[in-house]
Amino acid sequence: MRQRLIGIVTLAVVVLGATTMFAHEQIRIVGTITKRDQTTLTVKSVEGMTVSMVLTPKTLVYRNRKKVAVADLKSGLTVVVDTLSYSPDWWVDLEAVEIRIVPAIKPSAGK
């Protein structure tokens, strides 16, 4: 009985450890497209950071809540991008999951 319990606990630890090993972090980036090619999108975030991400066949693109083609992504457009990061450094190895083309962000009047 004791060996069985130890075996179950060991299996649970291995399974839980494996799921965190393959975990990914969800990152939202808001900014302006600076470059796009067939497989990569580069966005300058509103914070001023330039971030590149991979476009996959599964990447969804929307404008006004309607699905549009990846080809509609042009430099200068403002976007909200939901990404997945597979690296401990969130800005490395990003995959674009969903991209929403939104109206340009107006600078605030400042406080």
N, C-alpha and C. Protein backbone atom coordinates (compact mmCIF):
# COMPACT_ATOMS: atom_id res chain seq x y z
N MET A 1 0.82 -1.20 0.00
CA MET A 1 0.00 0.00 0.00
C MET A 1 0.86 1.26 0.00
N ARG A 2 1.89 1.26 0.83
CA ARG A 2 2.76 2.42 0.93
C ARG A 2 3.51 2.68 -0.39
N GLN A 3 3.98 1.61 -1.04
CA GLN A 3 4.68 1.76 -2.31
C GLN A 3 3.73 2.30 -3.38
N ARG A 4 2.50 1.88 -3.34
CA ARG A 4 1.50 2.36 -4.30
C ARG A 4 1.27 3.87 -4.11
N LEU A 5 1.15 4.29 -2.87
CA LEU A 5 0.96 5.71 -2.57
C LEU A 5 2.16 6.52 -3.03
N ILE A 6 3.35 6.03 -2.79
CA ILE A 6 4.56 6.73 -3.23
C ILE A 6 4.59 6.81 -4.76
N GLY A 7 4.19 5.74 -5.41
CA GLY A 7 4.14 5.72 -6.87
C GLY A 7 3.16 6.74 -7.42
N ILE A 8 1.98 6.86 -6.80
CA ILE A 8 0.96 7.82 -7.24
C ILE A 8 1.45 9.25 -7.04
N VAL A 9 2.05 9.53 -5.89
CA VAL A 9 2.56 10.86 -5.60
C VAL A 9 3.69 11.21 -6.58
N THR A 10 4.57 10.28 -6.86
CA THR A 10 5.66 10.51 -7.80
C THR A 10 5.11 10.80 -9.20
N LEU A 11 4.13 10.04 -9.63
CA LEU A 11 3.51 10.26 -10.93
C LEU A 11 2.86 11.65 -11.00
N ALA A 12 2.18 12.05 -9.93
CA ALA A 12 1.54 13.36 -9.90
C ALA A 12 2.58 14.48 -10.01
N VAL A 13 3.69 14.33 -9.31
CA VAL A 13 4.75 15.35 -9.37
C VAL A 13 5.33 15.44 -10.78
N VAL A 14 5.55 14.30 -11.42
CA VAL A 14 6.10 14.30 -12.78
C VAL A 14 5.13 14.94 -13.75
N VAL A 15 3.85 14.60 -13.67
CA VAL A 15 2.85 15.16 -14.57
C VAL A 15 2.72 16.67 -14.36
N LEU A 16 2.63 17.12 -13.13
CA LEU A 16 2.52 18.56 -12.86
C LEU A 16 3.78 19.30 -13.28
N GLY A 17 4.92 18.71 -13.10
CA GLY A 17 6.17 19.33 -13.51
C GLY A 17 6.25 19.45 -15.03
N ALA A 18 5.76 18.47 -15.73
CA ALA A 18 5.81 18.50 -17.20
C ALA A 18 4.88 19.57 -17.74
N THR A 19 3.74 19.80 -17.12
CA THR A 19 2.82 20.82 -17.63
C THR A 19 3.40 22.21 -17.47
N THR A 20 4.12 22.48 -16.40
CA THR A 20 4.72 23.80 -16.25
C THR A 20 5.90 23.96 -17.19
N MET A 21 6.55 22.87 -17.55
CA MET A 21 7.67 22.92 -18.46
C MET A 21 7.21 23.37 -19.85
N PHE A 22 6.01 22.99 -20.25
CA PHE A 22 5.48 23.35 -21.56
C PHE A 22 4.52 24.52 -21.48
N ALA A 23 4.46 25.20 -20.37
CA ALA A 23 3.55 26.33 -20.21
C ALA A 23 4.00 27.49 -21.08
N HIS A 24 3.07 28.37 -21.35
CA HIS A 24 3.37 29.56 -22.13
C HIS A 24 2.66 30.74 -21.49
N GLU A 25 3.17 31.90 -21.78
CA GLU A 25 2.59 33.11 -21.20
C GLU A 25 1.85 33.88 -22.28
N GLN A 26 0.70 34.40 -21.92
CA GLN A 26 -0.07 35.22 -22.85
C GLN A 26 0.32 36.68 -22.67
N ILE A 27 0.66 37.34 -23.77
CA ILE A 27 1.10 38.72 -23.75
C ILE A 27 0.22 39.51 -24.71
N ARG A 28 -0.23 40.71 -24.29
CA ARG A 28 -0.98 41.61 -25.18
C ARG A 28 -0.09 42.79 -25.51
N ILE A 29 0.02 43.07 -26.80
CA ILE A 29 0.84 44.18 -27.27
C ILE A 29 -0.05 45.14 -28.03
N VAL A 30 0.00 46.42 -27.66
CA VAL A 30 -0.75 47.47 -28.34
C VAL A 30 0.26 48.41 -28.98
N GLY A 31 0.11 48.66 -30.28
CA GLY A 31 1.07 49.54 -30.93
C GLY A 31 0.81 49.68 -32.41
N THR A 32 1.85 50.12 -33.12
CA THR A 32 1.77 50.40 -34.55
C THR A 32 2.65 49.44 -35.32
N ILE A 33 2.11 48.90 -36.40
CA ILE A 33 2.89 47.98 -37.24
C ILE A 33 4.01 48.77 -37.91
N THR A 34 5.24 48.25 -37.79
CA THR A 34 6.37 48.88 -38.47
C THR A 34 6.84 48.04 -39.66
N LYS A 35 6.55 46.73 -39.63
CA LYS A 35 6.98 45.85 -40.71
C LYS A 35 6.18 44.57 -40.68
N ARG A 36 5.90 44.02 -41.90
CA ARG A 36 5.27 42.70 -41.99
C ARG A 36 5.81 42.00 -43.22
N ASP A 37 6.16 40.73 -43.04
CA ASP A 37 6.48 39.89 -44.19
C ASP A 37 5.61 38.64 -44.08
N GLN A 38 5.93 37.61 -44.83
CA GLN A 38 5.07 36.42 -44.86
C GLN A 38 4.90 35.76 -43.49
N THR A 39 5.95 35.74 -42.68
CA THR A 39 5.90 34.98 -41.43
C THR A 39 6.15 35.80 -40.18
N THR A 40 6.41 37.11 -40.33
CA THR A 40 6.77 37.92 -39.17
C THR A 40 6.04 39.26 -39.19
N LEU A 41 5.63 39.68 -37.99
CA LEU A 41 5.02 41.00 -37.80
C LEU A 41 5.85 41.73 -36.75
N THR A 42 6.19 42.99 -37.04
CA THR A 42 6.93 43.81 -36.09
C THR A 42 6.07 44.99 -35.70
N VAL A 43 5.94 45.21 -34.38
CA VAL A 43 5.08 46.26 -33.84
C VAL A 43 5.89 47.11 -32.88
N LYS A 44 5.74 48.44 -32.99
CA LYS A 44 6.31 49.34 -31.99
C LYS A 44 5.20 49.61 -30.99
N SER A 45 5.40 49.16 -29.76
CA SER A 45 4.36 49.27 -28.73
C SER A 45 4.18 50.72 -28.28
N VAL A 46 3.06 50.99 -27.64
CA VAL A 46 2.80 52.34 -27.14
C VAL A 46 3.83 52.73 -26.08
N GLU A 47 4.51 51.75 -25.49
CA GLU A 47 5.57 52.03 -24.51
C GLU A 47 6.89 52.32 -25.20
N GLY A 48 6.95 52.16 -26.55
CA GLY A 48 8.16 52.47 -27.30
C GLY A 48 9.05 51.28 -27.59
N MET A 49 8.64 50.07 -27.22
CA MET A 49 9.45 48.87 -27.44
C MET A 49 9.08 48.25 -28.79
N THR A 50 10.08 47.86 -29.58
CA THR A 50 9.83 47.19 -30.85
C THR A 50 9.85 45.69 -30.62
N VAL A 51 8.75 45.03 -31.02
CA VAL A 51 8.57 43.60 -30.76
C VAL A 51 8.24 42.89 -32.06
N SER A 52 8.93 41.78 -32.33
CA SER A 52 8.64 40.95 -33.51
C SER A 52 7.97 39.66 -33.06
N MET A 53 7.06 39.18 -33.89
CA MET A 53 6.34 37.95 -33.57
C MET A 53 6.10 37.14 -34.83
N VAL A 54 5.92 35.84 -34.66
CA VAL A 54 5.70 34.94 -35.77
C VAL A 54 4.21 34.92 -36.13
N LEU A 55 3.93 34.98 -37.43
CA LEU A 55 2.58 34.79 -37.94
C LEU A 55 2.47 33.34 -38.40
N THR A 56 1.41 32.66 -37.99
CA THR A 56 1.21 31.27 -38.38
C THR A 56 -0.09 31.16 -39.17
N PRO A 57 -0.34 30.02 -39.79
CA PRO A 57 -1.62 29.84 -40.47
C PRO A 57 -2.82 29.93 -39.52
N LYS A 58 -2.58 29.76 -38.23
CA LYS A 58 -3.65 29.85 -37.23
C LYS A 58 -3.90 31.27 -36.74
N THR A 59 -3.01 32.22 -37.08
CA THR A 59 -3.17 33.60 -36.63
C THR A 59 -4.46 34.18 -37.20
N LEU A 60 -5.29 34.74 -36.33
CA LEU A 60 -6.55 35.37 -36.73
C LEU A 60 -6.38 36.87 -36.79
N VAL A 61 -6.95 37.51 -37.81
CA VAL A 61 -6.86 38.96 -37.97
C VAL A 61 -8.28 39.50 -38.12
N TYR A 62 -8.58 40.56 -37.34
CA TYR A 62 -9.92 41.16 -37.36
C TYR A 62 -9.83 42.67 -37.56
N ARG A 63 -10.82 43.20 -38.24
CA ARG A 63 -11.03 44.64 -38.36
C ARG A 63 -12.53 44.85 -38.21
N ASN A 64 -12.92 45.71 -37.28
CA ASN A 64 -14.34 45.97 -37.00
C ASN A 64 -15.11 44.67 -36.72
N ARG A 65 -14.47 43.78 -35.96
CA ARG A 65 -15.04 42.50 -35.54
C ARG A 65 -15.31 41.53 -36.68
N LYS A 66 -14.74 41.81 -37.84
CA LYS A 66 -14.88 40.91 -38.99
C LYS A 66 -13.51 40.37 -39.35
N LYS A 67 -13.47 39.08 -39.67
CA LYS A 67 -12.20 38.45 -40.02
C LYS A 67 -11.72 38.99 -41.36
N VAL A 68 -10.43 39.33 -41.39
CA VAL A 68 -9.79 39.81 -42.62
C VAL A 68 -8.51 39.02 -42.85
N ALA A 69 -7.92 39.20 -44.02
CA ALA A 69 -6.70 38.47 -44.38
C ALA A 69 -5.46 39.08 -43.71
N VAL A 70 -4.46 38.26 -43.51
CA VAL A 70 -3.19 38.73 -42.96
C VAL A 70 -2.60 39.80 -43.88
N ALA A 71 -2.91 39.72 -45.16
CA ALA A 71 -2.40 40.71 -46.13
C ALA A 71 -2.91 42.12 -45.82
N ASP A 72 -3.99 42.25 -45.03
CA ASP A 72 -4.52 43.56 -44.65
C ASP A 72 -3.66 44.27 -43.61
N LEU A 73 -2.69 43.56 -43.04
CA LEU A 73 -1.80 44.16 -42.05
C LEU A 73 -0.74 44.97 -42.78
N LYS A 74 -0.80 46.28 -42.65
CA LYS A 74 0.12 47.19 -43.33
C LYS A 74 0.85 48.05 -42.31
N SER A 75 2.03 48.51 -42.68
CA SER A 75 2.79 49.42 -41.82
C SER A 75 1.95 50.66 -41.53
N GLY A 76 2.03 51.13 -40.30
CA GLY A 76 1.31 52.33 -39.88
C GLY A 76 -0.02 52.06 -39.22
N LEU A 77 -0.56 50.84 -39.36
CA LEU A 77 -1.84 50.53 -38.72
C LEU A 77 -1.64 50.30 -37.22
N THR A 78 -2.63 50.71 -36.44
CA THR A 78 -2.61 50.46 -35.00
C THR A 78 -3.27 49.11 -34.75
N VAL A 79 -2.64 48.29 -33.92
CA VAL A 79 -3.14 46.95 -33.67
C VAL A 79 -3.08 46.60 -32.18
N VAL A 80 -3.93 45.66 -31.81
CA VAL A 80 -3.86 45.01 -30.51
C VAL A 80 -3.58 43.55 -30.82
N VAL A 81 -2.44 43.04 -30.33
CA VAL A 81 -2.02 41.69 -30.67
C VAL A 81 -1.97 40.84 -29.40
N ASP A 82 -2.69 39.74 -29.43
CA ASP A 82 -2.59 38.75 -28.35
C ASP A 82 -1.61 37.69 -28.80
N THR A 83 -0.57 37.48 -28.00
CA THR A 83 0.50 36.56 -28.37
C THR A 83 0.70 35.51 -27.30
N LEU A 84 1.43 34.47 -27.67
CA LEU A 84 1.90 33.47 -26.72
C LEU A 84 3.41 33.50 -26.74
N SER A 85 4.01 33.44 -25.56
CA SER A 85 5.46 33.40 -25.45
C SER A 85 5.85 32.03 -24.93
N TYR A 86 6.82 31.40 -25.61
CA TYR A 86 7.29 30.08 -25.21
C TYR A 86 8.66 30.16 -24.56
N SER A 87 9.04 31.36 -24.13
CA SER A 87 10.36 31.57 -23.56
C SER A 87 10.23 32.28 -22.22
N PRO A 88 11.15 32.07 -21.30
CA PRO A 88 11.13 32.82 -20.04
C PRO A 88 11.26 34.32 -20.27
N ASP A 89 11.94 34.71 -21.36
CA ASP A 89 12.03 36.12 -21.74
C ASP A 89 10.85 36.39 -22.65
N TRP A 90 9.82 37.07 -22.16
CA TRP A 90 8.53 37.19 -22.86
C TRP A 90 8.65 37.79 -24.26
N TRP A 91 9.63 38.62 -24.52
CA TRP A 91 9.74 39.28 -25.81
C TRP A 91 10.43 38.41 -26.86
N VAL A 92 10.87 37.22 -26.47
CA VAL A 92 11.55 36.30 -27.38
C VAL A 92 10.59 35.17 -27.73
N ASP A 93 10.61 34.74 -28.97
CA ASP A 93 9.83 33.58 -29.40
C ASP A 93 8.32 33.80 -29.22
N LEU A 94 7.82 34.94 -29.70
CA LEU A 94 6.39 35.24 -29.62
C LEU A 94 5.66 34.71 -30.84
N GLU A 95 4.45 34.20 -30.60
CA GLU A 95 3.57 33.75 -31.68
C GLU A 95 2.29 34.58 -31.62
N ALA A 96 1.95 35.25 -32.73
CA ALA A 96 0.72 36.03 -32.80
C ALA A 96 -0.47 35.08 -32.90
N VAL A 97 -1.41 35.20 -31.97
CA VAL A 97 -2.59 34.34 -31.97
C VAL A 97 -3.76 35.10 -32.59
N GLU A 98 -4.00 36.33 -32.12
CA GLU A 98 -5.10 37.14 -32.63
C GLU A 98 -4.64 38.59 -32.75
N ILE A 99 -4.96 39.19 -33.90
CA ILE A 99 -4.59 40.57 -34.16
C ILE A 99 -5.86 41.34 -34.49
N ARG A 100 -6.05 42.47 -33.78
CA ARG A 100 -7.20 43.33 -34.06
C ARG A 100 -6.68 44.67 -34.56
N ILE A 101 -7.12 45.05 -35.76
CA ILE A 101 -6.79 46.36 -36.30
C ILE A 101 -7.77 47.33 -35.67
N VAL A 102 -7.24 48.38 -35.02
CA VAL A 102 -8.08 49.33 -34.28
C VAL A 102 -7.80 50.75 -34.75
N PRO A 103 -8.68 51.70 -34.41
CA PRO A 103 -8.41 53.10 -34.75
C PRO A 103 -7.11 53.57 -34.09
N ALA A 104 -6.45 54.52 -34.73
CA ALA A 104 -5.19 55.06 -34.20
C ALA A 104 -5.39 55.60 -32.79
N ILE A 105 -4.40 55.41 -31.96
CA ILE A 105 -4.44 55.88 -30.58
C ILE A 105 -3.99 57.34 -30.56
N LYS A 106 -4.85 58.19 -30.02
CA LYS A 106 -4.50 59.62 -29.92
C LYS A 106 -3.72 59.85 -28.65
N PRO A 107 -2.66 60.66 -28.75
CA PRO A 107 -1.89 60.95 -27.54
C PRO A 107 -2.76 61.68 -26.52
N SER A 108 -2.55 61.36 -25.26
CA SER A 108 -3.32 62.03 -24.21
C SER A 108 -2.83 63.45 -24.03
N ALA A 109 -3.68 64.29 -23.47
CA ALA A 109 -3.35 65.72 -23.28
C ALA A 109 -2.31 65.91 -22.20
N GLY A 110 -2.02 64.85 -21.45
CA GLY A 110 -1.04 64.95 -20.37
C GLY A 110 -1.65 65.52 -19.11
N LYS A 111 -1.17 65.06 -18.01
CA LYS A 111 -1.73 65.52 -16.72
C LYS A 111 -0.69 66.17 -15.90
